[in-house]
């Protein structure tokens, strides 16, 4: 399937990029689009203790197995299926199960660092950056990590100050300059999302990307 395109959706943690990515996927037909999430590719840490894993900087590029992500993207581009890892954020380990992803006409790749890594960025046909106020991103991250990932308020605050914010400023925020489209206010910006959807649907109709 060499006519498939890669649409990258980047932005800070809690920016709403996941909401944007899911809105795009849900609006496109299942037969036409698939989602690949950077968060599924955290490196395997099974030989470490949970205390050691808790001290790792998970917002640094070195925490992600980008080689595997790139290998999977190349496979999808060539029309092959992949088995995407499933990452458990409560244990910081990959699960034994995997998710089968079939090649589609549109592959959406979502993650905080996908525009910061040249090898990934160069594969993207459309590069989107979700730009959201820092305070709002922090509040969203706190709500998510406490409710969905069994973290304490103190743990979330410490991680934000020690790794999330510094890594955002060092790697994620500067990568915004590589984007083709910047979406302010994240998933709440329905006008921007609908404009992108219109262009992607046009691509599905006539196979051209010139107007995206």
Protein backbone atom coordinates (compact mmCIF):
# COMPACT_ATOMS: atom_id res chain seq x y z
CA UNK A 1 0.00 0.00 0.00
CA UNK A 2 2.49 2.59 -1.20
CA UNK A 3 -0.23 5.23 -1.55
CA UNK A 4 -0.82 5.46 2.21
CA UNK A 5 0.08 8.68 4.01
CA UNK A 6 1.41 9.30 7.50
CA UNK A 7 -0.20 12.07 9.56
CA UNK A 8 1.78 13.03 12.66
CA UNK A 9 0.03 14.59 15.67
CA UNK A 10 2.48 15.98 18.25
CA UNK A 11 2.21 18.25 21.29
CA UNK A 12 2.96 18.33 24.99
CA UNK A 13 1.61 15.87 27.53
CA UNK A 14 -1.99 16.89 28.24
CA UNK A 15 -2.16 19.16 25.19
CA UNK A 16 -5.11 17.32 23.70
CA UNK A 17 -3.16 15.62 20.92
CA UNK A 18 -4.68 12.24 21.76
CA UNK A 19 -8.15 13.79 21.54
CA UNK A 20 -7.29 15.30 18.16
CA UNK A 21 -5.92 11.97 16.90
CA UNK A 22 -8.99 10.05 18.06
CA UNK A 23 -11.35 12.67 16.59
CA UNK A 24 -9.64 12.23 13.23
CA UNK A 25 -9.78 8.42 13.45
CA UNK A 26 -13.43 8.38 14.52
CA UNK A 27 -14.45 10.70 11.72
CA UNK A 28 -12.70 8.62 9.08
CA UNK A 29 -13.97 5.20 8.09
CA UNK A 30 -12.30 2.33 9.95
CA UNK A 31 -11.29 0.78 6.65
CA UNK A 32 -9.37 3.91 5.72
CA UNK A 33 -7.40 4.96 8.83
CA UNK A 34 -5.45 3.52 11.76
CA UNK A 35 -3.76 5.00 14.82
CA UNK A 36 -0.21 4.28 16.00
CA UNK A 37 0.69 5.77 19.38
CA UNK A 38 4.24 6.58 20.45
CA UNK A 39 3.34 5.71 24.06
CA UNK A 40 3.04 2.04 23.09
CA UNK A 41 6.76 1.94 22.28
CA UNK A 42 8.33 2.59 25.66
CA UNK A 43 11.39 0.37 25.96
CA UNK A 44 11.07 -3.04 27.57
CA UNK A 45 12.21 -2.82 31.20
CA UNK A 46 11.32 -6.27 32.46
CA UNK A 47 14.78 -6.83 33.95
CA UNK A 48 14.47 -3.89 36.34
CA UNK A 49 12.63 -3.43 39.63
CA UNK A 50 9.54 -1.24 39.82
CA UNK A 51 11.54 1.18 42.00
CA UNK A 52 14.20 1.46 39.28
CA UNK A 53 11.56 1.90 36.59
CA UNK A 54 9.86 4.68 38.56
CA UNK A 55 13.09 6.72 38.46
CA UNK A 56 13.43 6.61 34.66
CA UNK A 57 12.85 9.80 32.69
CA UNK A 58 9.98 8.63 30.50
CA UNK A 59 9.77 11.99 28.71
CA UNK A 60 13.28 11.72 27.24
CA UNK A 61 13.65 10.29 23.70
CA UNK A 62 15.92 7.54 25.06
CA UNK A 63 12.92 5.98 26.84
CA UNK A 64 11.21 5.18 23.53
CA UNK A 65 12.13 2.31 21.21
CA UNK A 66 12.03 4.47 18.11
CA UNK A 67 13.83 1.82 16.04
CA UNK A 68 10.83 -0.47 16.47
CA UNK A 69 8.37 2.34 15.76
CA UNK A 70 10.22 3.21 12.53
CA UNK A 71 10.35 -0.48 11.55
CA UNK A 72 6.59 -0.74 12.06
CA UNK A 73 5.88 2.43 10.08
CA UNK A 74 7.97 1.13 7.18
CA UNK A 75 6.05 -2.15 7.29
CA UNK A 76 2.70 -0.35 7.17
CA UNK A 77 3.96 1.81 4.30
CA UNK A 78 4.81 -1.34 2.34
CA UNK A 79 1.39 -2.84 2.97
CA UNK A 80 2.26 -5.21 5.82
CA UNK A 81 0.47 -5.61 9.14
CA UNK A 82 2.22 -4.96 12.45
CA UNK A 83 1.81 -6.18 16.02
CA UNK A 84 1.93 -3.04 18.12
CA UNK A 85 3.04 -3.38 21.75
CA UNK A 86 0.67 -2.62 24.64
CA UNK A 87 2.26 -0.63 27.45
CA UNK A 88 1.05 -0.80 31.05
CA UNK A 89 1.61 2.58 32.72
CA UNK A 90 0.93 1.25 36.21
CA UNK A 91 3.84 -1.23 36.06
CA UNK A 92 5.99 0.51 33.41
CA UNK A 93 6.09 -2.74 31.43
CA UNK A 94 4.83 -4.02 28.10
CA UNK A 95 2.01 -6.52 28.31
CA UNK A 96 2.30 -9.94 26.72
CA UNK A 97 -0.59 -9.16 24.39
CA UNK A 98 -0.17 -7.08 21.25
CA UNK A 99 -2.51 -5.15 18.95
CA UNK A 100 -2.73 -6.12 15.29
CA UNK A 101 -2.77 -3.05 13.04
CA UNK A 102 -3.54 -3.51 9.36
CA UNK A 103 -2.19 -1.15 6.69
CA UNK A 104 -4.60 1.67 5.86
CA UNK A 105 -4.74 4.59 3.46
CA UNK A 106 -4.17 7.00 6.35
CA UNK A 107 -1.95 6.17 9.32
CA UNK A 108 -2.08 8.67 12.20
CA UNK A 109 1.00 8.67 14.43
CA UNK A 110 0.52 10.40 17.77
CA UNK A 111 3.10 11.30 20.41
CA UNK A 112 5.01 14.05 22.19
CA UNK A 113 8.29 13.40 20.37
CA UNK A 114 7.38 12.37 16.85
CA UNK A 115 8.39 15.73 15.38
CA UNK A 116 11.57 15.84 17.48
CA UNK A 117 13.05 12.65 16.01
CA UNK A 118 14.37 13.31 12.47
CA UNK A 119 13.93 9.70 11.27
CA UNK A 120 10.26 9.73 12.27
CA UNK A 121 9.59 13.31 11.20
CA UNK A 122 10.93 12.70 7.70
CA UNK A 123 8.42 9.88 7.19
CA UNK A 124 5.42 12.11 7.93
CA UNK A 125 3.40 13.52 5.04
CA UNK A 126 1.40 15.87 7.28
CA UNK A 127 2.81 17.23 10.54
CA UNK A 128 0.40 18.63 13.14
CA UNK A 129 1.34 20.26 16.46
CA UNK A 130 -1.31 20.70 19.15
CA UNK A 131 -0.48 23.88 21.06
CA UNK A 132 -2.10 24.29 24.49
CA UNK A 133 -1.51 26.52 27.52
CA UNK A 134 1.01 24.98 29.96
CA UNK A 135 -1.30 25.30 32.99
CA UNK A 136 -4.08 23.50 31.17
CA UNK A 137 -1.69 20.71 30.11
CA UNK A 138 -0.58 20.23 33.72
CA UNK A 139 -4.16 20.00 35.02
CA UNK A 140 -5.12 17.49 32.33
CA UNK A 141 -2.04 15.37 33.08
CA UNK A 142 -2.80 15.37 36.80
CA UNK A 143 -6.38 14.28 36.24
CA UNK A 144 -5.33 11.52 33.84
CA UNK A 145 -2.42 10.13 35.87
CA UNK A 146 -4.34 10.11 39.17
CA UNK A 147 -7.55 8.64 37.74
CA UNK A 148 -6.19 6.31 35.05
CA UNK A 149 -2.63 5.43 36.07
CA UNK A 150 -2.93 5.08 39.85
CA UNK A 151 -0.47 7.91 40.58
CA UNK A 152 -0.53 10.17 43.64
CA UNK A 153 -0.72 13.96 43.48
CA UNK A 154 2.81 14.17 44.90
CA UNK A 155 4.15 11.69 42.33
CA UNK A 156 2.57 13.55 39.41
CA UNK A 157 3.86 16.91 40.67
CA UNK A 158 7.40 15.63 41.17
CA UNK A 159 7.51 13.97 37.74
CA UNK A 160 6.17 17.10 36.08
CA UNK A 161 8.78 19.37 37.64
CA UNK A 162 11.72 16.99 37.26
CA UNK A 163 11.13 15.54 33.78
CA UNK A 164 7.88 16.43 32.01
CA UNK A 165 8.32 20.19 31.87
CA UNK A 166 12.12 20.19 31.23
CA UNK A 167 11.78 17.59 28.44
CA UNK A 168 8.87 19.49 26.89
CA UNK A 169 11.00 22.64 26.76
CA UNK A 170 14.05 20.78 25.44
CA UNK A 171 12.52 18.44 22.86
CA UNK A 172 8.79 18.81 22.27
CA UNK A 173 8.16 22.57 22.15
CA UNK A 174 11.09 23.30 19.78
CA UNK A 175 9.77 20.63 17.38
CA UNK A 176 6.73 22.83 16.73
CA UNK A 177 8.73 24.66 14.06
CA UNK A 178 8.65 21.53 11.90
CA UNK A 179 4.85 21.34 11.85
CA UNK A 180 2.71 22.08 8.82
CA UNK A 181 -0.35 22.86 10.94
CA UNK A 182 -0.59 24.22 14.49
CA UNK A 183 -3.84 23.63 16.39
CA UNK A 184 -4.36 26.01 19.33
CA UNK A 185 -6.51 24.85 22.27
CA UNK A 186 -6.13 21.15 21.46
CA UNK A 187 -9.13 18.91 20.99
CA UNK A 188 -11.55 21.77 21.69
CA UNK A 189 -10.64 23.46 18.40
CA UNK A 190 -13.39 21.92 16.30
CA UNK A 191 -12.87 24.29 13.37
CA UNK A 192 -9.22 23.30 12.93
CA UNK A 193 -10.01 19.60 13.27
CA UNK A 194 -12.83 19.84 10.73
CA UNK A 195 -10.56 21.63 8.26
CA UNK A 196 -7.95 18.87 8.56
CA UNK A 197 -10.67 16.23 8.20
CA UNK A 198 -11.93 17.85 5.01
CA UNK A 199 -8.46 17.66 3.48
CA UNK A 200 -7.94 14.05 4.55
CA UNK A 201 -11.32 13.01 3.18
CA UNK A 202 -10.41 14.69 -0.09
CA UNK A 203 -7.25 12.60 -0.14
CA UNK A 204 -9.35 9.45 0.30
CA UNK A 205 -11.50 10.51 -2.64
CA UNK A 206 -8.86 11.42 -5.21
CA UNK A 207 -5.54 10.24 -3.73
CA UNK A 208 -3.83 13.63 -3.89
CA UNK A 209 -2.16 15.42 -1.03
CA UNK A 210 -1.42 18.69 -2.77
CA UNK A 211 -4.13 20.61 -0.97
CA UNK A 212 -3.39 19.27 2.52
